[in-house]
């Protein structure tokens, strides 16, 4: 019975207990994307792309995204230090191993931003926040590494 309660608690965790969200815009249009953030009561979108430009979805380039978010009362903050530089992505593409990105990210970003002082997380924006990148599935994106590291500090996240 206790196991059932525990399992149910994990699956149906109320929004009040979520410390932060992660989100990808792949396969989404800007209207439904912003609506999903509004429904989750996100106050600030942290753009964790190294470069805040989308060639295939211009609505998600910085200026257009900021405009759409502002209209919904959501703040926008670009944090390029939490992104993956293009040269790292290119090297991984050439090697055919996404794990090269994960190794680089753990060494240079997670160790710097999520394993030590979390002031940047708590003091950079109005909460709740959503960390955004491209990929719809968080396991295909570097944001899952950051979310996993923050969870080791007891923070709770959910992907939108």
C-alpha atoms as a PDB file:
ATOM      1  CA  UNK A   1       0.000   0.000   0.000  1.00  0.00           C
ATOM      2  CA  UNK A   2       2.806   2.448   0.860  1.00  0.00           C
ATOM      3  CA  UNK A   3       4.447   1.614  -2.442  1.00  0.00           C
ATOM      4  CA  UNK A   4       1.226   2.474  -4.267  1.00  0.00           C
ATOM      5  CA  UNK A   5       1.011   5.816  -2.472  1.00  0.00           C
ATOM      6  CA  UNK A   6       4.633   6.556  -3.281  1.00  0.00           C
ATOM      7  CA  UNK A   7       4.201   5.622  -6.942  1.00  0.00           C
ATOM      8  CA  UNK A   8       1.010   7.671  -7.204  1.00  0.00           C
ATOM      9  CA  UNK A   9       2.763  10.644  -5.589  1.00  0.00           C
ATOM     10  CA  UNK A  10       5.572  10.532  -8.133  1.00  0.00           C
ATOM     11  CA  UNK A  11       3.235  10.262 -11.093  1.00  0.00           C
ATOM     12  CA  UNK A  12       0.719  12.884  -9.948  1.00  0.00           C
ATOM     13  CA  UNK A  13       3.029  15.398  -8.310  1.00  0.00           C
ATOM     14  CA  UNK A  14       1.190  18.737  -8.017  1.00  0.00           C
ATOM     15  CA  UNK A  15       2.561  21.758  -9.865  1.00  0.00           C
ATOM     16  CA  UNK A  16       3.261  23.462  -6.513  1.00  0.00           C
ATOM     17  CA  UNK A  17       5.966  20.869  -5.845  1.00  0.00           C
ATOM     18  CA  UNK A  18       7.769  21.351  -9.172  1.00  0.00           C
ATOM     19  CA  UNK A  19      10.942  23.431  -8.799  1.00  0.00           C
ATOM     20  CA  UNK A  20      11.483  23.894 -12.531  1.00  0.00           C
ATOM     21  CA  UNK A  21      10.432  22.663 -15.938  1.00  0.00           C
ATOM     22  CA  UNK A  22      12.253  21.698 -19.094  1.00  0.00           C
ATOM     23  CA  UNK A  23      10.803  22.115 -22.555  1.00  0.00           C
ATOM     24  CA  UNK A  24      11.705  21.613 -26.201  1.00  0.00           C
ATOM     25  CA  UNK A  25      10.027  23.322 -29.134  1.00  0.00           C
ATOM     26  CA  UNK A  26      10.613  20.666 -31.794  1.00  0.00           C
ATOM     27  CA  UNK A  27       7.335  19.826 -33.536  1.00  0.00           C
ATOM     28  CA  UNK A  28       5.456  22.689 -31.872  1.00  0.00           C
ATOM     29  CA  UNK A  29       4.126  25.982 -33.094  1.00  0.00           C
ATOM     30  CA  UNK A  30       4.703  29.152 -31.080  1.00  0.00           C
ATOM     31  CA  UNK A  31       1.060  29.539 -30.017  1.00  0.00           C
ATOM     32  CA  UNK A  32       0.713  26.059 -28.484  1.00  0.00           C
ATOM     33  CA  UNK A  33       4.234  26.314 -27.044  1.00  0.00           C
ATOM     34  CA  UNK A  34       3.445  29.539 -25.168  1.00  0.00           C
ATOM     35  CA  UNK A  35       0.064  28.115 -24.104  1.00  0.00           C
ATOM     36  CA  UNK A  36       1.804  25.098 -22.543  1.00  0.00           C
ATOM     37  CA  UNK A  37       4.109  27.428 -20.579  1.00  0.00           C
ATOM     38  CA  UNK A  38       1.147  29.508 -19.435  1.00  0.00           C
ATOM     39  CA  UNK A  39      -0.754  26.405 -18.364  1.00  0.00           C
ATOM     40  CA  UNK A  40       2.256  25.334 -16.259  1.00  0.00           C
ATOM     41  CA  UNK A  41       2.384  28.866 -14.775  1.00  0.00           C
ATOM     42  CA  UNK A  42       5.951  29.406 -15.958  1.00  0.00           C
ATOM     43  CA  UNK A  43       7.207  32.894 -15.049  1.00  0.00           C
ATOM     44  CA  UNK A  44      10.529  32.822 -16.921  1.00  0.00           C
ATOM     45  CA  UNK A  45      11.785  30.904 -19.923  1.00  0.00           C
ATOM     46  CA  UNK A  46      15.525  30.224 -19.704  1.00  0.00           C
ATOM     47  CA  UNK A  47      16.799  29.751 -23.230  1.00  0.00           C
ATOM     48  CA  UNK A  48      19.733  27.366 -22.818  1.00  0.00           C
ATOM     49  CA  UNK A  49      20.670  27.211 -26.485  1.00  0.00           C
ATOM     50  CA  UNK A  50      24.186  28.448 -27.135  1.00  0.00           C
ATOM     51  CA  UNK A  51      22.842  30.606 -29.963  1.00  0.00           C
ATOM     52  CA  UNK A  52      19.216  31.782 -29.639  1.00  0.00           C
ATOM     53  CA  UNK A  53      18.404  31.392 -33.318  1.00  0.00           C
ATOM     54  CA  UNK A  54      16.265  28.831 -35.103  1.00  0.00           C
ATOM     55  CA  UNK A  55      16.711  28.611 -38.847  1.00  0.00           C
ATOM     56  CA  UNK A  56      13.971  26.004 -39.237  1.00  0.00           C
ATOM     57  CA  UNK A  57      11.489  27.663 -36.852  1.00  0.00           C
ATOM     58  CA  UNK A  58      12.015  31.451 -36.949  1.00  0.00           C
ATOM     59  CA  UNK A  59       9.254  31.986 -34.379  1.00  0.00           C
ATOM     60  CA  UNK A  60      11.680  30.488 -31.855  1.00  0.00           C
ATOM     61  CA  UNK A  61      14.524  32.876 -32.643  1.00  0.00           C
ATOM     62  CA  UNK A  62      15.230  35.241 -29.781  1.00  0.00           C
ATOM     63  CA  UNK A  63      13.393  38.397 -30.855  1.00  0.00           C
ATOM     64  CA  UNK A  64      10.251  36.594 -32.049  1.00  0.00           C
ATOM     65  CA  UNK A  65      10.230  34.318 -29.013  1.00  0.00           C
ATOM     66  CA  UNK A  66      10.664  37.250 -26.613  1.00  0.00           C
ATOM     67  CA  UNK A  67       7.735  39.037 -28.252  1.00  0.00           C
ATOM     68  CA  UNK A  68       5.430  36.008 -27.981  1.00  0.00           C
ATOM     69  CA  UNK A  69       6.442  35.341 -24.382  1.00  0.00           C
ATOM     70  CA  UNK A  70       6.062  38.984 -23.363  1.00  0.00           C
ATOM     71  CA  UNK A  71       2.510  39.037 -24.731  1.00  0.00           C
ATOM     72  CA  UNK A  72       1.750  36.139 -22.365  1.00  0.00           C
ATOM     73  CA  UNK A  73       3.465  37.789 -19.383  1.00  0.00           C
ATOM     74  CA  UNK A  74       6.440  35.414 -19.412  1.00  0.00           C
ATOM     75  CA  UNK A  75       9.987  36.725 -18.997  1.00  0.00           C
ATOM     76  CA  UNK A  76      12.781  35.586 -21.322  1.00  0.00           C
ATOM     77  CA  UNK A  77      16.400  35.045 -20.334  1.00  0.00           C
ATOM     78  CA  UNK A  78      19.097  33.699 -22.641  1.00  0.00           C
ATOM     79  CA  UNK A  79      21.838  31.778 -20.811  1.00  0.00           C
ATOM     80  CA  UNK A  80      24.408  30.814 -23.474  1.00  0.00           C
ATOM     81  CA  UNK A  81      26.758  29.420 -20.816  1.00  0.00           C
ATOM     82  CA  UNK A  82      24.259  26.567 -20.412  1.00  0.00           C
ATOM     83  CA  UNK A  83      24.319  25.774 -24.132  1.00  0.00           C
ATOM     84  CA  UNK A  84      26.473  23.575 -26.340  1.00  0.00           C
ATOM     85  CA  UNK A  85      28.825  25.485 -28.676  1.00  0.00           C
ATOM     86  CA  UNK A  86      28.528  24.734 -32.380  1.00  0.00           C
ATOM     87  CA  UNK A  87      32.052  23.308 -32.565  1.00  0.00           C
ATOM     88  CA  UNK A  88      31.151  20.690 -29.926  1.00  0.00           C
ATOM     89  CA  UNK A  89      27.970  19.789 -31.846  1.00  0.00           C
ATOM     90  CA  UNK A  90      29.934  19.567 -35.109  1.00  0.00           C
ATOM     91  CA  UNK A  91      32.553  17.261 -33.577  1.00  0.00           C
ATOM     92  CA  UNK A  92      29.823  14.986 -32.225  1.00  0.00           C
ATOM     93  CA  UNK A  93      28.100  14.934 -35.626  1.00  0.00           C
ATOM     94  CA  UNK A  94      31.377  14.018 -37.332  1.00  0.00           C
ATOM     95  CA  UNK A  95      32.056  11.216 -34.850  1.00  0.00           C
ATOM     96  CA  UNK A  96      28.438  10.035 -34.962  1.00  0.00           C
ATOM     97  CA  UNK A  97      28.343   9.935 -31.162  1.00  0.00           C
ATOM     98  CA  UNK A  98      25.912  12.129 -29.252  1.00  0.00           C
ATOM     99  CA  UNK A  99      27.641  10.832 -26.126  1.00  0.00           C
ATOM    100  CA  UNK A 100      30.532  13.167 -27.016  1.00  0.00           C
ATOM    101  CA  UNK A 101      28.197  16.093 -26.348  1.00  0.00           C
ATOM    102  CA  UNK A 102      27.070  14.571 -23.048  1.00  0.00           C
ATOM    103  CA  UNK A 103      30.675  14.050 -21.898  1.00  0.00           C
ATOM    104  CA  UNK A 104      31.628  17.616 -22.821  1.00  0.00           C
ATOM    105  CA  UNK A 105      28.498  19.017 -21.143  1.00  0.00           C
ATOM    106  CA  UNK A 106      29.095  17.111 -17.917  1.00  0.00           C
ATOM    107  CA  UNK A 107      32.703  18.253 -17.763  1.00  0.00           C
ATOM    108  CA  UNK A 108      32.322  21.903 -18.724  1.00  0.00           C
ATOM    109  CA  UNK A 109      28.779  22.908 -17.834  1.00  0.00           C
ATOM    110  CA  UNK A 110      27.236  20.587 -15.259  1.00  0.00           C
ATOM    111  CA  UNK A 111      30.336  20.612 -13.073  1.00  0.00           C
ATOM    112  CA  UNK A 112      30.397  24.420 -13.174  1.00  0.00           C
ATOM    113  CA  UNK A 113      26.710  25.279 -12.868  1.00  0.00           C
ATOM    114  CA  UNK A 114      24.962  22.394 -11.142  1.00  0.00           C
ATOM    115  CA  UNK A 115      27.470  20.775  -8.842  1.00  0.00           C
ATOM    116  CA  UNK A 116      28.347  23.846  -6.813  1.00  0.00           C
ATOM    117  CA  UNK A 117      26.682  27.095  -5.889  1.00  0.00           C
ATOM    118  CA  UNK A 118      23.132  27.280  -7.238  1.00  0.00           C
ATOM    119  CA  UNK A 119      22.722  31.052  -6.821  1.00  0.00           C
ATOM    120  CA  UNK A 120      22.469  31.406 -10.604  1.00  0.00           C
ATOM    121  CA  UNK A 121      19.470  29.077 -10.563  1.00  0.00           C
ATOM    122  CA  UNK A 122      17.599  30.647  -7.681  1.00  0.00           C
ATOM    123  CA  UNK A 123      18.472  34.293  -8.322  1.00  0.00           C
ATOM    124  CA  UNK A 124      18.581  34.661 -12.109  1.00  0.00           C
ATOM    125  CA  UNK A 125      14.857  34.763 -12.798  1.00  0.00           C
ATOM    126  CA  UNK A 126      11.310  34.715 -11.484  1.00  0.00           C
ATOM    127  CA  UNK A 127      10.188  31.188 -10.674  1.00  0.00           C
ATOM    128  CA  UNK A 128       8.907  28.808 -11.787  1.00  0.00           C
ATOM    129  CA  UNK A 129      11.258  28.651 -14.731  1.00  0.00           C
ATOM    130  CA  UNK A 130      11.364  26.437 -17.796  1.00  0.00           C
ATOM    131  CA  UNK A 131      14.714  25.611 -19.398  1.00  0.00           C
ATOM    132  CA  UNK A 132      14.245  25.493 -23.158  1.00  0.00           C
ATOM    133  CA  UNK A 133      16.167  23.958 -26.004  1.00  0.00           C
ATOM    134  CA  UNK A 134      15.216  22.478 -29.366  1.00  0.00           C
ATOM    135  CA  UNK A 135      14.602  18.754 -28.940  1.00  0.00           C
ATOM    136  CA  UNK A 136      11.125  17.642 -27.912  1.00  0.00           C
ATOM    137  CA  UNK A 137      12.429  14.600 -25.995  1.00  0.00           C
ATOM    138  CA  UNK A 138      14.596  15.778 -23.088  1.00  0.00           C
ATOM    139  CA  UNK A 139      16.773  12.649 -23.352  1.00  0.00           C
ATOM    140  CA  UNK A 140      17.843  13.804 -26.817  1.00  0.00           C
ATOM    141  CA  UNK A 141      18.898  17.181 -25.416  1.00  0.00           C
ATOM    142  CA  UNK A 142      21.580  18.502 -23.094  1.00  0.00           C
ATOM    143  CA  UNK A 143      18.877  19.903 -20.794  1.00  0.00           C
ATOM    144  CA  UNK A 144      18.347  16.426 -19.341  1.00  0.00           C
ATOM    145  CA  UNK A 145      21.899  16.457 -17.974  1.00  0.00           C
ATOM    146  CA  UNK A 146      21.313  19.770 -16.244  1.00  0.00           C
ATOM    147  CA  UNK A 147      17.944  18.612 -14.900  1.00  0.00           C
ATOM    148  CA  UNK A 148      19.476  15.370 -13.616  1.00  0.00           C
ATOM    149  CA  UNK A 149      22.261  17.287 -11.868  1.00  0.00           C
ATOM    150  CA  UNK A 150      19.797  19.680 -10.240  1.00  0.00           C
ATOM    151  CA  UNK A 151      17.706  16.716  -9.094  1.00  0.00           C
ATOM    152  CA  UNK A 152      20.745  15.462  -7.175  1.00  0.00           C
ATOM    153  CA  UNK A 153      20.348  18.655  -5.112  1.00  0.00           C
ATOM    154  CA  UNK A 154      16.765  17.663  -4.359  1.00  0.00           C
ATOM    155  CA  UNK A 155      15.130  19.888  -6.978  1.00  0.00           C
ATOM    156  CA  UNK A 156      12.137  18.447  -8.795  1.00  0.00           C
ATOM    157  CA  UNK A 157      11.524  18.959 -12.497  1.00  0.00           C
ATOM    158  CA  UNK A 158       9.020  17.993 -15.131  1.00  0.00           C
ATOM    159  CA  UNK A 159       9.215  18.219 -18.889  1.00  0.00           C
ATOM    160  CA  UNK A 160       6.413  20.155 -20.534  1.00  0.00           C
END
